[in-house]
N, C-alpha and C. Protein backbone atom coordinates (compact mmCIF):
# COMPACT_ATOMS: atom_id res chain seq x y z
N MET A 1 3.50 -5.57 17.94
CA MET A 1 3.32 -4.22 18.45
C MET A 1 3.22 -3.26 17.26
N GLU A 2 2.26 -2.37 17.33
CA GLU A 2 2.08 -1.40 16.25
C GLU A 2 1.65 -0.06 16.82
N ALA A 3 2.02 0.99 16.11
CA ALA A 3 1.62 2.35 16.48
C ALA A 3 0.71 2.89 15.39
N ARG A 4 -0.40 3.47 15.81
CA ARG A 4 -1.39 3.97 14.87
C ARG A 4 -1.53 5.48 14.98
N ALA A 5 -1.97 6.07 13.86
CA ALA A 5 -2.35 7.49 13.85
C ALA A 5 -3.41 7.64 12.78
N LYS A 6 -4.38 8.51 13.05
CA LYS A 6 -5.39 8.75 12.02
C LYS A 6 -5.75 10.23 11.97
N ALA A 7 -6.02 10.68 10.77
CA ALA A 7 -6.43 12.06 10.55
C ALA A 7 -7.82 11.99 9.91
N THR A 8 -8.79 12.62 10.55
CA THR A 8 -10.15 12.59 10.02
C THR A 8 -10.55 13.96 9.51
N PHE A 9 -11.45 13.97 8.56
CA PHE A 9 -12.01 15.19 7.97
C PHE A 9 -10.94 16.08 7.33
N GLU A 10 -9.91 15.48 6.74
CA GLU A 10 -8.90 16.26 6.01
C GLU A 10 -9.53 16.81 4.73
N ARG A 11 -9.35 18.09 4.47
CA ARG A 11 -10.02 18.73 3.32
C ARG A 11 -9.24 18.50 2.02
N ILE A 12 -9.14 17.25 1.61
CA ILE A 12 -8.51 16.90 0.34
C ILE A 12 -9.19 15.62 -0.16
N ALA A 13 -9.33 15.50 -1.47
CA ALA A 13 -10.05 14.36 -2.04
C ALA A 13 -9.28 13.05 -1.79
N PRO A 14 -9.99 11.97 -1.50
CA PRO A 14 -9.33 10.68 -1.21
C PRO A 14 -8.49 10.15 -2.39
N ARG A 15 -8.89 10.44 -3.62
CA ARG A 15 -8.12 9.98 -4.79
C ARG A 15 -6.72 10.57 -4.79
N LYS A 16 -6.62 11.83 -4.37
CA LYS A 16 -5.32 12.51 -4.34
C LYS A 16 -4.44 11.95 -3.22
N VAL A 17 -5.05 11.61 -2.09
CA VAL A 17 -4.30 11.05 -0.96
C VAL A 17 -3.82 9.64 -1.30
N GLN A 18 -4.65 8.86 -1.99
CA GLN A 18 -4.32 7.47 -2.32
C GLN A 18 -3.03 7.38 -3.13
N ILE A 19 -2.81 8.33 -4.05
CA ILE A 19 -1.60 8.35 -4.87
C ILE A 19 -0.36 8.47 -3.98
N VAL A 20 -0.43 9.33 -2.99
CA VAL A 20 0.71 9.56 -2.08
C VAL A 20 0.91 8.35 -1.17
N LEU A 21 -0.17 7.76 -0.67
CA LEU A 21 -0.04 6.60 0.22
C LEU A 21 0.58 5.41 -0.50
N ASP A 22 0.29 5.26 -1.79
CA ASP A 22 0.89 4.16 -2.57
C ASP A 22 2.41 4.31 -2.65
N LEU A 23 2.91 5.55 -2.59
CA LEU A 23 4.35 5.79 -2.66
C LEU A 23 5.08 5.32 -1.40
N ILE A 24 4.42 5.42 -0.24
CA ILE A 24 5.13 5.16 1.03
C ILE A 24 4.78 3.81 1.67
N ARG A 25 3.83 3.08 1.11
CA ARG A 25 3.42 1.79 1.70
C ARG A 25 4.60 0.82 1.74
N ASN A 26 4.82 0.15 2.89
CA ASN A 26 5.89 -0.84 3.12
C ASN A 26 7.30 -0.27 3.05
N LYS A 27 7.45 1.03 3.21
CA LYS A 27 8.77 1.66 3.22
C LYS A 27 9.18 1.95 4.67
N PRO A 28 10.48 2.01 4.96
CA PRO A 28 10.92 2.44 6.29
C PRO A 28 10.43 3.87 6.56
N ALA A 29 10.17 4.17 7.82
CA ALA A 29 9.56 5.45 8.19
C ALA A 29 10.43 6.65 7.78
N GLU A 30 11.75 6.53 7.96
CA GLU A 30 12.64 7.63 7.59
C GLU A 30 12.61 7.86 6.08
N GLU A 31 12.62 6.78 5.31
CA GLU A 31 12.57 6.89 3.84
C GLU A 31 11.22 7.46 3.39
N ALA A 32 10.15 7.03 4.05
CA ALA A 32 8.81 7.53 3.72
C ALA A 32 8.74 9.04 3.96
N MET A 33 9.35 9.51 5.05
CA MET A 33 9.35 10.94 5.35
C MET A 33 10.12 11.71 4.27
N ALA A 34 11.23 11.15 3.80
CA ALA A 34 12.01 11.80 2.74
C ALA A 34 11.22 11.84 1.43
N ILE A 35 10.52 10.76 1.13
CA ILE A 35 9.69 10.71 -0.09
C ILE A 35 8.62 11.80 -0.04
N LEU A 36 7.97 11.91 1.12
CA LEU A 36 6.91 12.90 1.28
C LEU A 36 7.45 14.33 1.18
N LYS A 37 8.65 14.53 1.69
CA LYS A 37 9.25 15.87 1.68
C LYS A 37 9.53 16.35 0.26
N PHE A 38 9.91 15.42 -0.64
CA PHE A 38 10.34 15.82 -1.98
C PHE A 38 9.33 15.48 -3.07
N THR A 39 8.12 15.08 -2.71
CA THR A 39 7.09 14.81 -3.70
C THR A 39 6.19 16.03 -3.82
N PRO A 40 6.03 16.57 -5.03
CA PRO A 40 5.23 17.79 -5.18
C PRO A 40 3.73 17.52 -5.31
N LYS A 41 3.12 16.99 -4.26
CA LYS A 41 1.68 16.73 -4.25
C LYS A 41 1.08 17.43 -3.03
N ALA A 42 -0.16 17.90 -3.19
CA ALA A 42 -0.83 18.61 -2.09
C ALA A 42 -1.08 17.69 -0.90
N ALA A 43 -1.28 16.41 -1.15
CA ALA A 43 -1.60 15.46 -0.08
C ALA A 43 -0.38 15.13 0.78
N CYS A 44 0.81 15.48 0.34
CA CYS A 44 2.02 15.13 1.09
C CYS A 44 2.08 15.82 2.46
N GLU A 45 1.57 17.03 2.53
CA GLU A 45 1.64 17.77 3.79
C GLU A 45 0.84 17.10 4.92
N PRO A 46 -0.45 16.80 4.73
CA PRO A 46 -1.16 16.13 5.82
C PRO A 46 -0.66 14.71 6.10
N VAL A 47 -0.19 14.00 5.07
CA VAL A 47 0.32 12.64 5.28
C VAL A 47 1.64 12.68 6.05
N ALA A 48 2.50 13.65 5.76
CA ALA A 48 3.76 13.79 6.49
C ALA A 48 3.50 14.12 7.95
N LYS A 49 2.53 14.97 8.19
CA LYS A 49 2.16 15.34 9.56
C LYS A 49 1.65 14.09 10.31
N LEU A 50 0.87 13.28 9.62
CA LEU A 50 0.34 12.06 10.20
C LEU A 50 1.44 11.04 10.49
N LEU A 51 2.38 10.91 9.57
CA LEU A 51 3.51 9.99 9.75
C LEU A 51 4.36 10.42 10.95
N LYS A 52 4.58 11.70 11.06
CA LYS A 52 5.34 12.24 12.20
C LYS A 52 4.63 11.93 13.52
N SER A 53 3.32 12.07 13.52
CA SER A 53 2.51 11.77 14.70
C SER A 53 2.58 10.28 15.06
N ALA A 54 2.51 9.41 14.05
CA ALA A 54 2.58 7.96 14.29
C ALA A 54 3.95 7.57 14.84
N MET A 55 5.01 8.22 14.34
CA MET A 55 6.36 7.95 14.84
C MET A 55 6.49 8.39 16.30
N ALA A 56 5.90 9.53 16.64
CA ALA A 56 5.93 10.02 18.02
C ALA A 56 5.13 9.08 18.93
N ASN A 57 3.98 8.58 18.43
CA ASN A 57 3.19 7.62 19.20
C ASN A 57 3.99 6.35 19.48
N ALA A 58 4.70 5.86 18.47
CA ALA A 58 5.50 4.64 18.61
C ALA A 58 6.59 4.82 19.66
N GLU A 59 7.24 5.98 19.62
CA GLU A 59 8.35 6.24 20.53
C GLU A 59 7.88 6.46 21.97
N ASN A 60 6.86 7.29 22.13
CA ASN A 60 6.44 7.69 23.47
C ASN A 60 5.49 6.70 24.15
N ASN A 61 4.57 6.12 23.38
CA ASN A 61 3.56 5.26 23.99
C ASN A 61 3.96 3.79 24.05
N TYR A 62 4.77 3.34 23.09
CA TYR A 62 5.09 1.91 22.99
C TYR A 62 6.57 1.60 23.12
N ASP A 63 7.42 2.61 23.36
CA ASP A 63 8.87 2.45 23.50
C ASP A 63 9.49 1.68 22.33
N MET A 64 9.06 2.00 21.13
CA MET A 64 9.61 1.35 19.93
C MET A 64 10.80 2.13 19.43
N ASP A 65 11.71 1.44 18.72
CA ASP A 65 12.90 2.07 18.16
C ASP A 65 12.51 2.75 16.85
N VAL A 66 12.64 4.07 16.79
CA VAL A 66 12.20 4.86 15.63
C VAL A 66 12.96 4.48 14.36
N SER A 67 14.22 4.09 14.49
CA SER A 67 15.02 3.76 13.31
C SER A 67 14.60 2.44 12.67
N ARG A 68 13.83 1.61 13.40
CA ARG A 68 13.41 0.30 12.86
C ARG A 68 11.94 0.27 12.46
N LEU A 69 11.29 1.44 12.40
CA LEU A 69 9.87 1.48 12.04
C LEU A 69 9.67 1.47 10.53
N TYR A 70 8.56 0.86 10.10
CA TYR A 70 8.18 0.93 8.69
C TYR A 70 6.68 1.09 8.58
N VAL A 71 6.22 1.60 7.44
CA VAL A 71 4.79 1.83 7.22
C VAL A 71 4.14 0.50 6.86
N ALA A 72 3.48 -0.13 7.82
CA ALA A 72 2.89 -1.45 7.62
C ALA A 72 1.58 -1.35 6.84
N GLU A 73 0.73 -0.43 7.24
CA GLU A 73 -0.57 -0.25 6.57
C GLU A 73 -0.84 1.24 6.44
N CYS A 74 -1.45 1.61 5.34
CA CYS A 74 -1.94 2.98 5.19
C CYS A 74 -3.15 2.94 4.27
N SER A 75 -4.19 3.62 4.68
CA SER A 75 -5.42 3.60 3.89
C SER A 75 -6.12 4.95 3.99
N VAL A 76 -7.00 5.17 3.04
CA VAL A 76 -7.80 6.40 3.04
C VAL A 76 -9.23 6.02 2.69
N SER A 77 -10.17 6.66 3.36
CA SER A 77 -11.58 6.48 3.03
C SER A 77 -12.22 7.85 2.92
N GLN A 78 -13.33 7.90 2.22
CA GLN A 78 -13.98 9.18 1.99
C GLN A 78 -14.80 9.60 3.19
N GLY A 79 -14.63 10.87 3.57
CA GLY A 79 -15.42 11.45 4.64
C GLY A 79 -16.65 12.13 4.06
N PRO A 80 -17.33 12.93 4.85
CA PRO A 80 -18.50 13.64 4.33
C PRO A 80 -18.10 14.69 3.29
N THR A 81 -18.97 14.90 2.33
CA THR A 81 -18.73 15.86 1.26
C THR A 81 -19.43 17.18 1.60
N LEU A 82 -18.68 18.27 1.50
CA LEU A 82 -19.26 19.59 1.71
C LEU A 82 -19.83 20.05 0.38
N LYS A 83 -21.11 20.37 0.35
CA LYS A 83 -21.77 20.75 -0.89
C LYS A 83 -21.88 22.27 -0.96
N ARG A 84 -21.32 22.85 -2.01
CA ARG A 84 -21.33 24.30 -2.19
C ARG A 84 -21.97 24.64 -3.53
N ILE A 85 -22.45 25.87 -3.65
CA ILE A 85 -23.13 26.31 -4.87
C ILE A 85 -22.30 27.40 -5.54
N ARG A 86 -22.18 27.29 -6.88
CA ARG A 86 -21.46 28.28 -7.68
C ARG A 86 -22.47 28.92 -8.63
N PRO A 87 -22.67 30.23 -8.59
CA PRO A 87 -23.60 30.87 -9.51
C PRO A 87 -23.10 30.79 -10.95
N ARG A 88 -24.03 30.51 -11.89
CA ARG A 88 -23.69 30.43 -13.31
C ARG A 88 -24.63 31.33 -14.11
N ALA A 89 -24.48 31.30 -15.40
CA ALA A 89 -25.25 32.18 -16.28
C ALA A 89 -26.75 31.90 -16.21
N HIS A 90 -27.56 32.91 -16.49
CA HIS A 90 -29.02 32.82 -16.54
C HIS A 90 -29.63 32.36 -15.21
N GLY A 91 -29.01 32.73 -14.10
CA GLY A 91 -29.58 32.42 -12.79
C GLY A 91 -29.47 30.98 -12.36
N ARG A 92 -28.70 30.20 -13.08
CA ARG A 92 -28.52 28.80 -12.70
C ARG A 92 -27.49 28.68 -11.58
N ALA A 93 -27.49 27.52 -10.94
CA ALA A 93 -26.51 27.26 -9.88
C ALA A 93 -25.87 25.90 -10.15
N PHE A 94 -24.54 25.86 -10.13
CA PHE A 94 -23.82 24.60 -10.28
C PHE A 94 -23.33 24.18 -8.91
N ARG A 95 -23.38 22.89 -8.64
CA ARG A 95 -22.91 22.38 -7.36
C ARG A 95 -21.41 22.08 -7.42
N ILE A 96 -20.72 22.45 -6.37
CA ILE A 96 -19.32 22.09 -6.21
C ILE A 96 -19.24 21.19 -4.98
N ASN A 97 -18.68 19.99 -5.16
CA ASN A 97 -18.51 19.04 -4.05
C ASN A 97 -17.10 19.14 -3.52
N LYS A 98 -16.97 19.52 -2.26
CA LYS A 98 -15.66 19.59 -1.62
C LYS A 98 -15.51 18.34 -0.76
N LYS A 99 -14.67 17.42 -1.23
CA LYS A 99 -14.55 16.11 -0.58
C LYS A 99 -13.59 16.15 0.60
N THR A 100 -13.83 15.28 1.57
CA THR A 100 -12.94 15.14 2.72
C THR A 100 -12.46 13.70 2.81
N SER A 101 -11.37 13.50 3.55
CA SER A 101 -10.75 12.19 3.67
C SER A 101 -10.50 11.82 5.12
N HIS A 102 -10.57 10.52 5.40
CA HIS A 102 -10.13 9.95 6.67
C HIS A 102 -8.90 9.10 6.35
N ILE A 103 -7.74 9.47 6.90
CA ILE A 103 -6.49 8.77 6.59
C ILE A 103 -6.04 7.98 7.81
N ASN A 104 -5.69 6.70 7.60
CA ASN A 104 -5.19 5.82 8.67
C ASN A 104 -3.77 5.37 8.34
N LEU A 105 -2.92 5.34 9.37
CA LEU A 105 -1.53 4.95 9.19
C LEU A 105 -1.12 4.03 10.32
N VAL A 106 -0.46 2.91 10.00
CA VAL A 106 0.01 1.96 11.02
C VAL A 106 1.50 1.73 10.81
N LEU A 107 2.28 1.92 11.87
CA LEU A 107 3.72 1.66 11.83
C LEU A 107 4.03 0.43 12.67
N LYS A 108 4.93 -0.41 12.17
CA LYS A 108 5.38 -1.58 12.91
C LYS A 108 6.90 -1.58 12.94
N GLU A 109 7.46 -2.36 13.87
CA GLU A 109 8.91 -2.49 13.98
C GLU A 109 9.39 -3.67 13.15
N MET A 110 10.49 -3.46 12.43
CA MET A 110 11.06 -4.55 11.64
C MET A 110 11.69 -5.58 12.57
N GLU A 111 11.58 -6.86 12.18
CA GLU A 111 12.19 -7.92 12.99
C GLU A 111 13.68 -8.00 12.73
């Protein structure tokens, strides 16, 4: 039995999210939430929100014990890139790529 949650089109680069996901992979859900709360990374906020959602899914949809949950799988993939233009000297234009992420989280119950 597993509980899933996914966040799509998050406006943060996948490389930044991957660093945070590596911190919480295979950790108990409560410990993962504490790690996210005290880690000073921009990606912690959407990942914490996603973890909270996955815990709620486990409790309400699958009647799992929240105290025995752990982060079984977590992954991030790149979403569509928003392309923006920044004016530069001599009438030139530089492109700014604003990357998005699709984050997946799977919680399972410890045996």
